Every structure is written in C-alpha cells, then in structure tokens.
Protein backbone atom coordinates (compact mmCIF):
# COMPACT_ATOMS: atom_id res chain seq x y z
CA MET A 1 83.73 109.50 87.15
CA VAL A 2 87.42 109.27 86.71
CA GLU A 3 89.57 106.03 87.04
CA SER A 4 93.20 106.03 86.50
CA ILE A 5 95.74 103.03 86.44
CA ALA A 6 99.55 103.13 86.75
CA ARG A 7 101.76 100.20 86.48
CA VAL A 8 105.26 99.34 86.86
CA LYS A 9 106.94 96.38 85.55
CA HIS A 10 110.17 94.38 86.31
CA ILE A 11 111.12 96.47 89.30
CA ARG A 12 113.83 95.02 91.42
CA VAL A 13 111.70 94.25 94.60
CA THR A 14 110.50 90.99 95.69
CA ALA A 15 106.60 90.58 95.57
CA THR A 16 106.32 89.68 99.11
CA LYS A 17 108.12 93.01 100.22
CA ALA A 18 106.00 94.99 97.81
CA ARG A 19 102.81 93.55 98.87
CA ARG A 20 103.67 94.67 102.56
CA VAL A 21 103.77 98.15 101.39
CA VAL A 22 100.90 98.01 99.04
CA ASN A 23 98.77 96.72 101.74
CA LEU A 24 99.36 99.77 103.94
CA ILE A 25 97.70 102.17 101.15
CA ARG A 26 94.81 99.79 99.87
CA GLY A 27 91.52 101.77 100.29
CA LYS A 28 93.00 104.97 101.60
CA GLN A 29 92.65 108.38 99.79
CA ALA A 30 95.70 109.29 97.44
CA MET A 31 96.95 112.22 99.43
CA GLU A 32 96.85 110.28 102.65
CA ALA A 33 98.60 107.19 100.86
CA LEU A 34 101.37 109.47 99.68
CA ALA A 35 101.94 110.73 103.18
CA ILE A 36 102.19 107.13 104.48
CA LEU A 37 104.46 105.95 101.66
CA LYS A 38 106.73 109.10 102.26
CA PHE A 39 107.52 107.83 105.90
CA ALA A 40 107.32 104.33 105.49
CA PRO A 41 110.73 102.54 106.17
CA GLN A 42 110.58 99.88 103.63
CA GLY A 43 112.70 99.96 100.71
CA ALA A 44 109.78 99.22 98.55
CA SER A 45 107.67 102.61 99.59
CA GLU A 46 109.82 104.53 97.32
CA PRO A 47 108.84 103.11 93.84
CA VAL A 48 105.06 102.67 95.33
CA TYR A 49 105.24 106.39 96.12
CA LYS A 50 106.40 107.29 92.73
CA LEU A 51 103.66 104.99 91.20
CA VAL A 52 100.93 106.73 93.10
CA ALA A 53 101.98 110.08 92.18
CA SER A 54 101.91 108.98 88.62
CA ALA A 55 98.49 107.52 88.88
CA ILE A 56 97.46 110.89 90.22
CA ALA A 57 98.84 112.58 87.18
CA ASN A 58 97.39 110.30 84.90
CA ALA A 59 93.81 110.87 86.52
CA ARG A 60 94.45 114.64 85.87
CA VAL A 61 95.50 114.20 82.33
CA LYS A 62 92.32 111.93 81.89
CA ALA A 63 90.06 114.54 83.44
CA ASP A 64 91.38 117.11 81.36
CA ALA A 65 91.02 115.22 78.13
CA ALA A 66 87.41 114.73 79.00
CA ASN A 67 86.78 118.37 79.99
CA THR A 68 85.67 117.38 83.44
CA TYR A 69 86.74 118.84 86.94
CA LEU A 70 88.82 116.65 89.18
CA ASP A 71 89.47 117.15 92.63
CA GLU A 72 92.60 115.26 93.56
CA GLN A 73 91.30 115.10 97.23
CA ASP A 74 88.66 112.91 96.09
CA LEU A 75 90.81 110.16 94.65
CA PHE A 76 91.43 107.07 96.54
CA VAL A 77 93.26 103.74 95.93
CA SER A 78 90.31 101.51 94.79
CA SER A 79 92.81 98.63 93.86
CA ALA A 80 96.46 97.71 94.51
CA PHE A 81 98.25 94.65 93.77
CA VAL A 82 101.50 92.97 93.17
CA ASP A 83 102.35 90.39 90.79
CA GLU A 84 105.62 88.19 90.46
CA GLY A 85 107.72 89.25 87.52
CA THR A 86 110.67 87.51 85.84
CA THR A 87 113.45 85.95 88.01
CA LEU A 88 116.93 86.65 87.35
CA LYS A 89 119.13 83.84 87.85
CA ARG A 90 122.84 84.27 88.64
CA PHE A 91 125.41 81.86 90.05
CA GLN A 92 127.89 82.38 92.64
CA PRO A 93 131.16 80.11 93.14
CA ARG A 94 131.08 78.25 96.24
CA ALA A 95 133.65 75.70 97.81
CA GLN A 96 134.98 72.59 95.94
CA GLY A 97 133.91 73.74 92.37
CA ARG A 98 130.23 74.10 93.48
CA ALA A 99 127.80 76.63 92.08
CA PHE A 100 125.46 78.43 94.27
CA GLN A 101 122.09 79.87 92.68
CA ILE A 102 121.16 83.20 93.48
CA LEU A 103 117.53 84.22 92.41
CA LYS A 104 117.01 88.05 91.77
CA ARG A 105 113.38 88.33 91.97
CA THR A 106 111.34 91.08 90.41
CA SER A 107 107.78 92.30 90.44
CA HIS A 108 104.92 94.05 88.74
CA ILE A 109 102.94 96.71 90.80
CA THR A 110 99.41 97.94 89.67
CA ILE A 111 97.69 100.99 91.36
CA VAL A 112 94.21 101.94 90.36
CA LEU A 113 92.79 105.22 91.71
CA ALA A 114 89.09 106.27 91.45
CA THR A 115 86.75 108.84 92.57
CA PRO A 116 83.89 107.75 94.90
CA ASP A 117 81.29 107.84 91.87
CA ASP A 118 83.32 105.13 89.90
CA ALA A 119 83.72 102.89 93.10
CA ASP A 120 80.02 102.69 93.52
CA VAL A 121 79.26 101.72 89.87
CA VAL A 122 82.24 99.04 90.03
CA LYS A 123 80.88 97.50 93.15
CA ALA A 124 77.24 97.58 91.73
CA THR A 125 78.58 95.73 88.54
CA LYS A 126 80.24 93.15 90.55
CA LYS A 127 77.08 92.54 92.87
CA ALA A 128 75.08 92.18 89.71
CA GLY A 129 77.44 89.75 88.19
CA LYS A 130 77.55 87.27 91.07
CA LYS A 131 73.83 86.94 91.30
C-alpha cells in the first residue's frame, strides 16, 4: 500500500564498503534493519541507519497525506542498492618531485521501503513483464 524511497548522494564512503552494509539489511523488516545497523561495526552503517530511519519517516508522511493507516512494523526493505558517485581526485607529493594521485570515492545509496501489499503487486508486474 505504501512505498517510500530515501536517497543520499555524494556520501564519502566507497561503494564496495557501503554495499557490504546494505547487503545485511536487504529483505529484512525495517525495525530489524535498524537494530542490525545500530550494532554493525562498519563505518558505513551510521549513514545507512539514518537513511532507513528517513525512509520510515517518509512512509509515515506519505500515509498521512493519503489518509491511510500505516503500521511501521509492516514495512520492510524491498530494495536497497549502492551506486558509485563522483570521485574526488587529490594529489600528494612524493619523492624526487613526483606526484601521487589519491582517489577519494563517493557513493549514492538508495533504500526503498514497502508494505507487503506493494511487494506482491511489484512482483506480479515484473513477472507479467517477463512473459
């Protein structure tokens, strides 16, 4: 019934490190995902935690705007992915006048929360599109 999206762009975490964290929560319930992220030791877990909390708040606002009831316990992470962002290129001086390039990578993280009703509809449309 309710689907909410939360995105963060140009976050200073490499995409591979963020994917490790996002893979922990994909398919889980939203509250369970928050509990997992709260105690995950990776550095990328804090921005992903904030992003999931933002997606829950977005779902609440969307449900209020549509005058529908939303039980936050029903929300689950239907889709979560990490894309590479822009790379900041910096140079560090090295021996004998050489320059050493440092790549400071960024990433774009997207979290989609949905209620079970939406997930069934999305799966049905994807199956119908493949035929």
